[in-house]
Amino acid sequence: MMHNAIEIRNLTKNYKGFSLGPLDFTIPKGCMVGYIGENGAGKSTTLKAILGLIHADSGEIKIFGNSTNEHEPELMNKIGVVFDAINLPADMKVQEVGTFCKLAFTTWAENTFNDYLKRFTLPDDKKVKALSRGMKMKLSLSIALSHQAELLILDEATSGLDPVVRDEILDILLDFLQDENHTVLISSHILSDLEKAADYIAFLHNGKLLFMEEKDLLVERYALCSLDDETIGHLDPEAIVGRRRHAFGQDLLVIRNLMPKSIKLTNASIEDIMVYIIKGVESESVAL
């Protein structure tokens, strides 16, 4: 029985001025993975390589145990995709989308699609170009969920949406994951959404994967504190992951279990962890 949705081994892609990888990571079935990093870190490049939209320079990608190089056509039916822009003719009406998609997907389920249109209250007589951004994302998600996909890939799909719509989309994704064979890979700059819903966080920085770990373990491992320079001098250097200087000392991201019990710690968010780790990596680069 195949327990992994995605396996990536030694994946590289080189552009002028930027290199992705080598990347190695595995995404198990039945979970949501939040793929995070700054603009230009290589998140979209990774997702496009998984989807076969670009060709990697080296490495292997397997989806449900099958190489994308050998089984791409049949695998694409199993993947639902939501990008930050909808890829449909601008003058197409919502009610015509189902007929269009039936030609693209052999597993298209018209009744499922119509159910999502009703759930999202999408006006079927409107043209795609007349839809708001939120409506376009709901339409994209309706398509992605209506051809029996087992893997959903979303690239910045919730950016620019109001909190109510984002929550609605997260609820749909969590419903999708009720089936243990379903998996979600989502890149987003709205880290609070991933903190609510993701099981794992994969963190890409300058084309390199810094970590992929369970979200709950990350939140348990790291903490924040604010200390003066003298106190910091007595700490185990291994405890300090990243720092930010201010007039009265430094704010630190630390490893919780390496800190003295006497020092007051506060919980770190996923955003805190990302920002401070980047600062730590950049500080090491400067020191080198």
C-alpha atoms as a PDB file:
ATOM      1  CA  MET A   1       0.000   0.000   0.000  1.00  0.00           C
ATOM      2  CA  MET A   2       1.383   3.397  -0.985  1.00  0.00           C
ATOM      3  CA  HIS A   3       1.516   5.740   2.024  1.00  0.00           C
ATOM      4  CA  ASN A   4       3.095   8.774   0.349  1.00  0.00           C
ATOM      5  CA  ALA A   5       1.330  11.292  -1.848  1.00  0.00           C
ATOM      6  CA  ILE A   6       4.507  13.011  -3.092  1.00  0.00           C
ATOM      7  CA  GLU A   7       8.159  11.954  -3.044  1.00  0.00           C
ATOM      8  CA  ILE A   8      10.831  14.357  -4.273  1.00  0.00           C
ATOM      9  CA  ARG A   9      14.444  13.243  -4.627  1.00  0.00           C
ATOM     10  CA  ASN A  10      17.394  15.454  -5.581  1.00  0.00           C
ATOM     11  CA  LEU A  11      15.204  17.921  -7.480  1.00  0.00           C
ATOM     12  CA  THR A  12      17.052  20.864  -9.031  1.00  0.00           C
ATOM     13  CA  LYS A  13      16.090  23.691 -11.361  1.00  0.00           C
ATOM     14  CA  ASN A  14      18.523  26.422 -12.332  1.00  0.00           C
ATOM     15  CA  TYR A  15      17.751  29.859 -13.711  1.00  0.00           C
ATOM     16  CA  LYS A  16      20.017  32.819 -14.254  1.00  0.00           C
ATOM     17  CA  GLY A  17      20.564  34.219 -10.766  1.00  0.00           C
ATOM     18  CA  PHE A  18      18.568  31.530  -8.947  1.00  0.00           C
ATOM     19  CA  SER A  19      18.894  27.835  -8.183  1.00  0.00           C
ATOM     20  CA  LEU A  20      16.266  25.595  -6.652  1.00  0.00           C
ATOM     21  CA  GLY A  21      17.470  22.606  -4.679  1.00  0.00           C
ATOM     22  CA  PRO A  22      18.604  20.001  -4.483  1.00  0.00           C
ATOM     23  CA  LEU A  23      15.277  19.272  -2.767  1.00  0.00           C
ATOM     24  CA  ASP A  24      14.468  16.061  -0.935  1.00  0.00           C
ATOM     25  CA  PHE A  25      11.204  15.611   0.918  1.00  0.00           C
ATOM     26  CA  THR A  26       8.228  13.311   1.257  1.00  0.00           C
ATOM     27  CA  ILE A  27       4.590  14.221   1.835  1.00  0.00           C
ATOM     28  CA  PRO A  28       2.537  11.433   3.412  1.00  0.00           C
ATOM     29  CA  LYS A  29      -1.049  10.786   2.409  1.00  0.00           C
ATOM     30  CA  GLY A  30      -3.847  12.223   4.499  1.00  0.00           C
ATOM     31  CA  CYS A  31      -2.276  15.502   5.602  1.00  0.00           C
ATOM     32  CA  MET A  32      -2.056  19.200   4.770  1.00  0.00           C
ATOM     33  CA  VAL A  33       1.417  20.616   4.168  1.00  0.00           C
ATOM     34  CA  GLY A  34       1.968  24.368   4.300  1.00  0.00           C
ATOM     35  CA  TYR A  35       4.797  25.403   1.956  1.00  0.00           C
ATOM     36  CA  ILE A  36       6.264  28.682   3.183  1.00  0.00           C
ATOM     37  CA  GLY A  37       9.077  31.089   2.333  1.00  0.00           C
ATOM     38  CA  GLU A  38       9.683  34.602   1.065  1.00  0.00           C
ATOM     39  CA  ASN A  39       8.825  35.769  -2.449  1.00  0.00           C
ATOM     40  CA  GLY A  40      11.322  34.248  -4.854  1.00  0.00           C
ATOM     41  CA  ALA A  41      12.264  31.378  -2.535  1.00  0.00           C
ATOM     42  CA  GLY A  42      11.236  28.822  -5.169  1.00  0.00           C
ATOM     43  CA  LYS A  43       7.821  27.686  -3.920  1.00  0.00           C
ATOM     44  CA  SER A  44       5.981  28.205  -7.218  1.00  0.00           C
ATOM     45  CA  THR A  45       8.878  26.636  -9.121  1.00  0.00           C
ATOM     46  CA  THR A  46       8.591  23.525  -6.951  1.00  0.00           C
ATOM     47  CA  LEU A  47       4.836  23.271  -7.482  1.00  0.00           C
ATOM     48  CA  LYS A  48       5.187  23.761 -11.242  1.00  0.00           C
ATOM     49  CA  ALA A  49       7.798  20.996 -11.341  1.00  0.00           C
ATOM     50  CA  ILE A  50       5.450  18.659  -9.447  1.00  0.00           C
ATOM     51  CA  LEU A  51       2.692  19.443 -11.951  1.00  0.00           C
ATOM     52  CA  GLY A  52       4.944  18.997 -14.978  1.00  0.00           C
ATOM     53  CA  LEU A  53       4.547  22.640 -16.021  1.00  0.00           C
ATOM     54  CA  ILE A  54       8.329  23.033 -16.039  1.00  0.00           C
ATOM     55  CA  HIS A  55      11.053  20.435 -16.489  1.00  0.00           C
ATOM     56  CA  ALA A  56      13.516  20.001 -13.652  1.00  0.00           C
ATOM     57  CA  ASP A  57      17.222  19.888 -14.471  1.00  0.00           C
ATOM     58  CA  SER A  58      17.671  16.776 -12.335  1.00  0.00           C
ATOM     59  CA  GLY A  59      15.930  14.625  -9.778  1.00  0.00           C
ATOM     60  CA  GLU A  60      12.773  12.566  -9.575  1.00  0.00           C
ATOM     61  CA  ILE A  61       9.198  13.321  -8.558  1.00  0.00           C
ATOM     62  CA  LYS A  62       6.771  10.551  -7.679  1.00  0.00           C
ATOM     63  CA  ILE A  63       3.051  11.035  -7.070  1.00  0.00           C
ATOM     64  CA  PHE A  64       1.291   8.123  -5.376  1.00  0.00           C
ATOM     65  CA  GLY A  65       4.395   6.049  -6.076  1.00  0.00           C
ATOM     66  CA  ASN A  66       4.461   6.746  -9.818  1.00  0.00           C
ATOM     67  CA  SER A  67       7.100   8.799 -11.593  1.00  0.00           C
ATOM     68  CA  THR A  68       5.674  11.935 -13.176  1.00  0.00           C
ATOM     69  CA  ASN A  69       7.993  11.383 -16.142  1.00  0.00           C
ATOM     70  CA  GLU A  70       6.317   8.075 -17.001  1.00  0.00           C
ATOM     71  CA  HIS A  71       2.713   8.495 -15.833  1.00  0.00           C
ATOM     72  CA  GLU A  72       1.942  12.200 -16.202  1.00  0.00           C
ATOM     73  CA  PRO A  73      -1.405  11.996 -18.112  1.00  0.00           C
ATOM     74  CA  GLU A  74      -3.139   9.605 -15.702  1.00  0.00           C
ATOM     75  CA  LEU A  75      -1.675  11.332 -12.633  1.00  0.00           C
ATOM     76  CA  MET A  76      -3.072  14.723 -13.632  1.00  0.00           C
ATOM     77  CA  ASN A  77      -6.622  13.394 -13.195  1.00  0.00           C
ATOM     78  CA  LYS A  78      -5.756  12.715  -9.553  1.00  0.00           C
ATOM     79  CA  ILE A  79      -4.503  16.255  -8.896  1.00  0.00           C
ATOM     80  CA  GLY A  80      -6.693  19.290  -8.305  1.00  0.00           C
ATOM     81  CA  VAL A  81      -4.938  22.617  -8.846  1.00  0.00           C
ATOM     82  CA  VAL A  82      -5.784  26.116  -7.628  1.00  0.00           C
ATOM     83  CA  PHE A  83      -3.427  28.920  -8.651  1.00  0.00           C
ATOM     84  CA  ASP A  84      -3.664  32.592  -7.692  1.00  0.00           C
ATOM     85  CA  ALA A  85      -5.232  33.339 -11.098  1.00  0.00           C
ATOM     86  CA  ILE A  86      -7.993  31.332 -12.764  1.00  0.00           C
ATOM     87  CA  ASN A  87      -7.116  29.763 -16.126  1.00  0.00           C
ATOM     88  CA  LEU A  88     -10.453  29.936 -17.962  1.00  0.00           C
ATOM     89  CA  PRO A  89     -11.700  31.973 -20.943  1.00  0.00           C
ATOM     90  CA  ALA A  90     -12.741  35.393 -19.638  1.00  0.00           C
ATOM     91  CA  ASP A  91     -16.082  35.391 -21.488  1.00  0.00           C
ATOM     92  CA  MET A  92     -17.114  31.921 -20.346  1.00  0.00           C
ATOM     93  CA  LYS A  93     -20.145  31.818 -18.063  1.00  0.00           C
ATOM     94  CA  VAL A  94     -20.007  29.875 -14.813  1.00  0.00           C
ATOM     95  CA  GLN A  95     -22.754  27.548 -16.074  1.00  0.00           C
ATOM     96  CA  GLU A  96     -20.556  26.644 -19.082  1.00  0.00           C
ATOM     97  CA  VAL A  97     -17.513  25.700 -17.025  1.00  0.00           C
ATOM     98  CA  GLY A  98     -18.760  22.187 -16.275  1.00  0.00           C
ATOM     99  CA  THR A  99     -19.138  21.337 -19.975  1.00  0.00           C
ATOM    100  CA  PHE A 100     -15.648  22.707 -20.634  1.00  0.00           C
ATOM    101  CA  CYS A 101     -14.095  20.676 -17.796  1.00  0.00           C
ATOM    102  CA  LYS A 102     -15.863  17.481 -18.847  1.00  0.00           C
ATOM    103  CA  LEU A 103     -13.648  17.530 -21.942  1.00  0.00           C
ATOM    104  CA  ALA A 104     -10.507  17.995 -19.852  1.00  0.00           C
ATOM    105  CA  PHE A 105     -11.064  15.367 -17.136  1.00  0.00           C
ATOM    106  CA  THR A 106     -12.129  11.771 -17.735  1.00  0.00           C
ATOM    107  CA  THR A 107     -13.261  11.584 -14.095  1.00  0.00           C
ATOM    108  CA  TRP A 108     -15.371  14.778 -14.167  1.00  0.00           C
ATOM    109  CA  ALA A 109     -18.402  14.684 -11.828  1.00  0.00           C
ATOM    110  CA  GLU A 110     -20.961  17.263 -12.950  1.00  0.00           C
ATOM    111  CA  ASN A 111     -23.241  16.765  -9.936  1.00  0.00           C
ATOM    112  CA  THR A 112     -20.356  17.347  -7.530  1.00  0.00           C
ATOM    113  CA  PHE A 113     -19.418  20.528  -9.383  1.00  0.00           C
ATOM    114  CA  ASN A 114     -22.984  21.843  -9.257  1.00  0.00           C
ATOM    115  CA  ASP A 115     -23.147  21.075  -5.535  1.00  0.00           C
ATOM    116  CA  TYR A 116     -20.039  23.202  -4.946  1.00  0.00           C
ATOM    117  CA  LEU A 117     -21.458  26.046  -7.036  1.00  0.00           C
ATOM    118  CA  LYS A 118     -24.488  26.052  -4.750  1.00  0.00           C
ATOM    119  CA  ARG A 119     -22.404  25.737  -1.593  1.00  0.00           C
ATOM    120  CA  PHE A 120     -20.292  28.719  -2.649  1.00  0.00           C
ATOM    121  CA  THR A 121     -23.375  30.608  -3.955  1.00  0.00           C
ATOM    122  CA  LEU A 122     -21.662  31.259  -7.292  1.00  0.00           C
ATOM    123  CA  PRO A 123     -23.911  32.992  -9.881  1.00  0.00           C
ATOM    124  CA  ASP A 124     -24.068  30.628 -12.854  1.00  0.00           C
ATOM    125  CA  ASP A 125     -25.080  33.348 -15.327  1.00  0.00           C
ATOM    126  CA  LYS A 126     -22.000  35.520 -14.686  1.00  0.00           C
ATOM    127  CA  LYS A 127     -18.941  35.517 -16.928  1.00  0.00           C
ATOM    128  CA  VAL A 128     -15.566  34.609 -15.446  1.00  0.00           C
ATOM    129  CA  LYS A 129     -14.242  38.135 -16.025  1.00  0.00           C
ATOM    130  CA  ALA A 130     -17.117  39.584 -13.958  1.00  0.00           C
ATOM    131  CA  LEU A 131     -16.354  37.489 -10.877  1.00  0.00           C
ATOM    132  CA  SER A 132     -14.619  38.936  -7.841  1.00  0.00           C
ATOM    133  CA  ARG A 133     -11.267  37.454  -6.826  1.00  0.00           C
ATOM    134  CA  GLY A 134     -12.967  35.509  -4.058  1.00  0.00           C
ATOM    135  CA  MET A 135     -15.536  34.077  -6.477  1.00  0.00           C
ATOM    136  CA  LYS A 136     -12.794  33.103  -8.945  1.00  0.00           C
ATOM    137  CA  MET A 137     -10.933  31.220  -6.229  1.00  0.00           C
ATOM    138  CA  LYS A 138     -14.146  29.458  -5.183  1.00  0.00           C
ATOM    139  CA  LEU A 139     -14.764  28.502  -8.812  1.00  0.00           C
ATOM    140  CA  SER A 140     -11.200  27.179  -9.155  1.00  0.00           C
ATOM    141  CA  LEU A 141     -11.610  25.158  -5.980  1.00  0.00           C
ATOM    142  CA  SER A 142     -14.964  23.808  -7.188  1.00  0.00           C
ATOM    143  CA  ILE A 143     -13.251  22.559 -10.361  1.00  0.00           C
ATOM    144  CA  ALA A 144     -10.349  21.061  -8.403  1.00  0.00           C
ATOM    145  CA  LEU A 145     -12.747  19.128  -6.172  1.00  0.00           C
ATOM    146  CA  SER A 146     -14.996  17.826  -8.958  1.00  0.00           C
ATOM    147  CA  HIS A 147     -12.827  15.329 -10.832  1.00  0.00           C
ATOM    148  CA  GLN A 148     -12.117  12.869  -8.017  1.00  0.00           C
ATOM    149  CA  ALA A 149      -8.730  14.374  -7.201  1.00  0.00           C
ATOM    150  CA  GLU A 150      -6.808  12.793  -4.345  1.00  0.00           C
ATOM    151  CA  LEU A 151      -4.175  15.536  -4.149  1.00  0.00           C
ATOM    152  CA  LEU A 152      -4.917  19.262  -4.047  1.00  0.00           C
ATOM    153  CA  ILE A 153      -2.153  21.757  -4.840  1.00  0.00           C
ATOM    154  CA  LEU A 154      -2.840  25.422  -4.087  1.00  0.00           C
ATOM    155  CA  ASP A 155      -0.375  28.204  -4.898  1.00  0.00           C
ATOM    156  CA  GLU A 156      -1.181  31.468  -3.065  1.00  0.00           C
ATOM    157  CA  ALA A 157      -4.859  30.788  -3.701  1.00  0.00           C
ATOM    158  CA  THR A 158      -6.029  32.603  -0.556  1.00  0.00           C
ATOM    159  CA  SER A 159      -3.902  35.749  -0.919  1.00  0.00           C
ATOM    160  CA  GLY A 160      -5.922  38.934  -1.228  1.00  0.00           C
ATOM    161  CA  LEU A 161      -9.092  37.312   0.107  1.00  0.00           C
ATOM    162  CA  ASP A 162     -10.991  38.548   3.134  1.00  0.00           C
ATOM    163  CA  PRO A 163     -10.852  36.438   6.334  1.00  0.00           C
ATOM    164  CA  VAL A 164     -14.405  35.103   5.918  1.00  0.00           C
ATOM    165  CA  VAL A 165     -13.686  33.700   2.439  1.00  0.00           C
ATOM    166  CA  ARG A 166     -10.326  32.298   3.590  1.00  0.00           C
ATOM    167  CA  ASP A 167     -12.016  30.502   6.478  1.00  0.00           C
ATOM    168  CA  GLU A 168     -14.618  29.125   4.087  1.00  0.00           C
ATOM    169  CA  ILE A 169     -11.884  27.737   1.826  1.00  0.00           C
ATOM    170  CA  LEU A 170      -9.978  26.255   4.783  1.00  0.00           C
ATOM    171  CA  ASP A 171     -13.156  24.511   5.933  1.00  0.00           C
ATOM    172  CA  ILE A 172     -13.555  22.969   2.466  1.00  0.00           C
ATOM    173  CA  LEU A 173      -9.936  21.756   2.533  1.00  0.00           C
ATOM    174  CA  LEU A 174     -10.395  20.218   5.979  1.00  0.00           C
ATOM    175  CA  ASP A 175     -13.555  18.476   4.741  1.00  0.00           C
ATOM    176  CA  PHE A 176     -11.544  17.115   1.802  1.00  0.00           C
ATOM    177  CA  LEU A 177      -8.986  15.690   4.247  1.00  0.00           C
ATOM    178  CA  GLN A 178     -11.620  13.648   6.056  1.00  0.00           C
ATOM    179  CA  ASP A 179     -10.746  10.983   3.487  1.00  0.00           C
ATOM    180  CA  GLU A 180      -7.416   9.542   4.664  1.00  0.00           C
ATOM    181  CA  ASN A 181      -6.303   9.066   1.047  1.00  0.00           C
ATOM    182  CA  HIS A 182      -6.573  12.797   0.338  1.00  0.00           C
ATOM    183  CA  THR A 183      -3.669  15.238   0.652  1.00  0.00           C
ATOM    184  CA  VAL A 184      -3.261  19.014   0.398  1.00  0.00           C
ATOM    185  CA  LEU A 185      -0.092  20.947  -0.477  1.00  0.00           C
ATOM    186  CA  ILE A 186      -0.633  24.691  -0.104  1.00  0.00           C
ATOM    187  CA  SER A 187       1.772  27.598  -0.463  1.00  0.00           C
ATOM    188  CA  SER A 188       0.701  30.790   1.261  1.00  0.00           C
ATOM    189  CA  HIS A 189       2.024  34.002   2.752  1.00  0.00           C
ATOM    190  CA  ILE A 190      -0.905  34.042   5.186  1.00  0.00           C
ATOM    191  CA  LEU A 191       0.826  31.954   7.810  1.00  0.00           C
ATOM    192  CA  SER A 192      -1.982  32.300  10.346  1.00  0.00           C
ATOM    193  CA  ASP A 193      -4.162  30.209   8.005  1.00  0.00           C
ATOM    194  CA  LEU A 194      -1.535  27.479   7.872  1.00  0.00           C
ATOM    195  CA  GLU A 195      -1.166  27.628  11.637  1.00  0.00           C
ATOM    196  CA  LYS A 196      -4.874  26.803  11.915  1.00  0.00           C
ATOM    197  CA  ALA A 197      -5.035  24.005   9.384  1.00  0.00           C
ATOM    198  CA  ALA A 198      -1.663  22.528   8.345  1.00  0.00           C
ATOM    199  CA  ASP A 199      -0.255  19.290   9.743  1.00  0.00           C
ATOM    200  CA  TYR A 200       3.270  19.935   8.445  1.00  0.00           C
ATOM    201  CA  ILE A 201       5.255  23.045   7.545  1.00  0.00           C
ATOM    202  CA  ALA A 202       7.897  22.942   4.795  1.00  0.00           C
ATOM    203  CA  PHE A 203      10.139  26.026   4.827  1.00  0.00           C
ATOM    204  CA  LEU A 204      12.012  27.078   1.687  1.00  0.00           C
ATOM    205  CA  HIS A 205      14.665  29.814   1.768  1.00  0.00           C
ATOM    206  CA  ASN A 206      16.732  30.884  -1.252  1.00  0.00           C
ATOM    207  CA  GLY A 207      15.889  27.665  -3.074  1.00  0.00           C
ATOM    208  CA  LYS A 208      16.889  25.402  -0.173  1.00  0.00           C
ATOM    209  CA  LEU A 209      14.551  23.455   2.089  1.00  0.00           C
ATOM    210  CA  LEU A 210      15.453  24.457   5.648  1.00  0.00           C
ATOM    211  CA  PHE A 211      13.016  22.035   7.225  1.00  0.00           C
ATOM    212  CA  MET A 212       9.809  20.066   6.850  1.00  0.00           C
ATOM    213  CA  GLU A 213       8.350  19.256  10.239  1.00  0.00           C
ATOM    214  CA  GLU A 214       5.102  18.666  12.050  1.00  0.00           C
ATOM    215  CA  LYS A 215       3.539  22.028  12.848  1.00  0.00           C
ATOM    216  CA  ASP A 216       2.739  21.118  16.451  1.00  0.00           C
ATOM    217  CA  LEU A 217       6.338  20.032  17.098  1.00  0.00           C
ATOM    218  CA  LEU A 218       7.642  23.321  15.668  1.00  0.00           C
ATOM    219  CA  VAL A 219       5.427  25.345  17.975  1.00  0.00           C
ATOM    220  CA  GLU A 220       6.523  23.203  20.936  1.00  0.00           C
ATOM    221  CA  ARG A 221      10.236  23.444  20.084  1.00  0.00           C
ATOM    222  CA  TYR A 222      10.602  27.193  19.608  1.00  0.00           C
ATOM    223  CA  ALA A 223       9.804  30.134  21.868  1.00  0.00           C
ATOM    224  CA  LEU A 224      10.429  33.883  22.081  1.00  0.00           C
ATOM    225  CA  CYS A 225      12.082  35.949  24.778  1.00  0.00           C
ATOM    226  CA  SER A 226      13.467  39.463  25.208  1.00  0.00           C
ATOM    227  CA  LEU A 227      16.754  39.773  27.105  1.00  0.00           C
ATOM    228  CA  ASP A 228      19.597  42.195  27.752  1.00  0.00           C
ATOM    229  CA  ASP A 229      23.013  41.498  26.251  1.00  0.00           C
ATOM    230  CA  GLU A 230      24.559  40.435  29.572  1.00  0.00           C
ATOM    231  CA  THR A 231      21.954  37.737  30.165  1.00  0.00           C
ATOM    232  CA  ILE A 232      22.291  36.556  26.581  1.00  0.00           C
ATOM    233  CA  GLY A 233      26.019  36.120  27.155  1.00  0.00           C
ATOM    234  CA  HIS A 234      25.291  33.412  29.745  1.00  0.00           C
ATOM    235  CA  LEU A 235      23.033  31.363  27.482  1.00  0.00           C
ATOM    236  CA  ASP A 236      23.970  28.206  25.619  1.00  0.00           C
ATOM    237  CA  PRO A 237      24.738  29.556  22.103  1.00  0.00           C
ATOM    238  CA  GLU A 238      22.984  26.501  20.649  1.00  0.00           C
ATOM    239  CA  ALA A 239      19.726  27.726  22.193  1.00  0.00           C
ATOM    240  CA  ILE A 240      19.624  30.874  20.034  1.00  0.00           C
ATOM    241  CA  VAL A 241      18.120  30.398  16.572  1.00  0.00           C
ATOM    242  CA  GLY A 242      17.644  34.014  15.492  1.00  0.00           C
ATOM    243  CA  ARG A 243      17.721  37.485  16.980  1.00  0.00           C
ATOM    244  CA  ARG A 244      16.467  41.016  16.516  1.00  0.00           C
ATOM    245  CA  ARG A 245      18.237  43.910  18.231  1.00  0.00           C
ATOM    246  CA  HIS A 246      16.419  46.808  19.893  1.00  0.00           C
ATOM    247  CA  ALA A 247      17.321  49.707  22.200  1.00  0.00           C
ATOM    248  CA  PHE A 248      17.160  47.643  25.389  1.00  0.00           C
ATOM    249  CA  GLY A 249      18.681  44.365  24.261  1.00  0.00           C
ATOM    250  CA  GLN A 250      17.542  41.658  21.878  1.00  0.00           C
ATOM    251  CA  ASP A 251      14.421  39.694  20.999  1.00  0.00           C
ATOM    252  CA  LEU A 252      15.350  36.058  20.486  1.00  0.00           C
ATOM    253  CA  LEU A 253      13.883  32.955  18.925  1.00  0.00           C
ATOM    254  CA  VAL A 254      15.179  30.118  21.078  1.00  0.00           C
ATOM    255  CA  ILE A 255      14.952  26.358  21.464  1.00  0.00           C
ATOM    256  CA  ARG A 256      12.672  25.971  24.441  1.00  0.00           C
ATOM    257  CA  ASN A 257      14.289  22.971  26.133  1.00  0.00           C
ATOM    258  CA  LEU A 258      17.787  24.526  26.009  1.00  0.00           C
ATOM    259  CA  MET A 259      16.750  27.601  27.990  1.00  0.00           C
ATOM    260  CA  PRO A 260      17.096  28.101  31.766  1.00  0.00           C
ATOM    261  CA  LYS A 261      13.792  27.637  33.611  1.00  0.00           C
ATOM    262  CA  SER A 262      14.200  31.093  35.164  1.00  0.00           C
ATOM    263  CA  ILE A 263      13.775  32.926  31.837  1.00  0.00           C
ATOM    264  CA  LYS A 264      10.248  33.862  30.809  1.00  0.00           C
ATOM    265  CA  LEU A 265       9.331  32.496  27.392  1.00  0.00           C
ATOM    266  CA  THR A 266       6.356  33.220  25.152  1.00  0.00           C
ATOM    267  CA  ASN A 267       4.969  31.055  22.357  1.00  0.00           C
ATOM    268  CA  ALA A 268       6.281  31.641  18.828  1.00  0.00           C
ATOM    269  CA  SER A 269       3.967  31.695  15.818  1.00  0.00           C
ATOM    270  CA  ILE A 270       4.891  30.084  12.500  1.00  0.00           C
ATOM    271  CA  GLU A 271       5.548  33.597  11.185  1.00  0.00           C
ATOM    272  CA  ASP A 272       7.910  34.306  14.106  1.00  0.00           C
ATOM    273  CA  ILE A 273       9.765  31.069  13.438  1.00  0.00           C
ATOM    274  CA  MET A 274      10.153  31.841   9.735  1.00  0.00           C
ATOM    275  CA  VAL A 275      11.311  35.442  10.224  1.00  0.00           C
ATOM    276  CA  TYR A 276      13.824  34.666  12.970  1.00  0.00           C
ATOM    277  CA  ILE A 277      15.269  31.611  11.247  1.00  0.00           C
ATOM    278  CA  ILE A 278      15.858  33.713   8.124  1.00  0.00           C
ATOM    279  CA  LYS A 279      17.625  36.305  10.282  1.00  0.00           C
ATOM    280  CA  GLY A 280      19.760  33.542  11.794  1.00  0.00           C
ATOM    281  CA  VAL A 281      20.679  32.101   8.395  1.00  0.00           C
ATOM    282  CA  GLU A 282      21.535  35.557   7.026  1.00  0.00           C
ATOM    283  CA  SER A 283      23.646  36.358  10.108  1.00  0.00           C
ATOM    284  CA  GLU A 284      25.631  33.151   9.611  1.00  0.00           C
ATOM    285  CA  SER A 285      26.160  34.032   5.941  1.00  0.00           C
ATOM    286  CA  VAL A 286      27.492  37.470   6.891  1.00  0.00           C
ATOM    287  CA  ALA A 287      29.784  35.922   9.514  1.00  0.00           C
ATOM    288  CA  LEU A 288      31.168  33.466   6.958  1.00  0.00           C
END
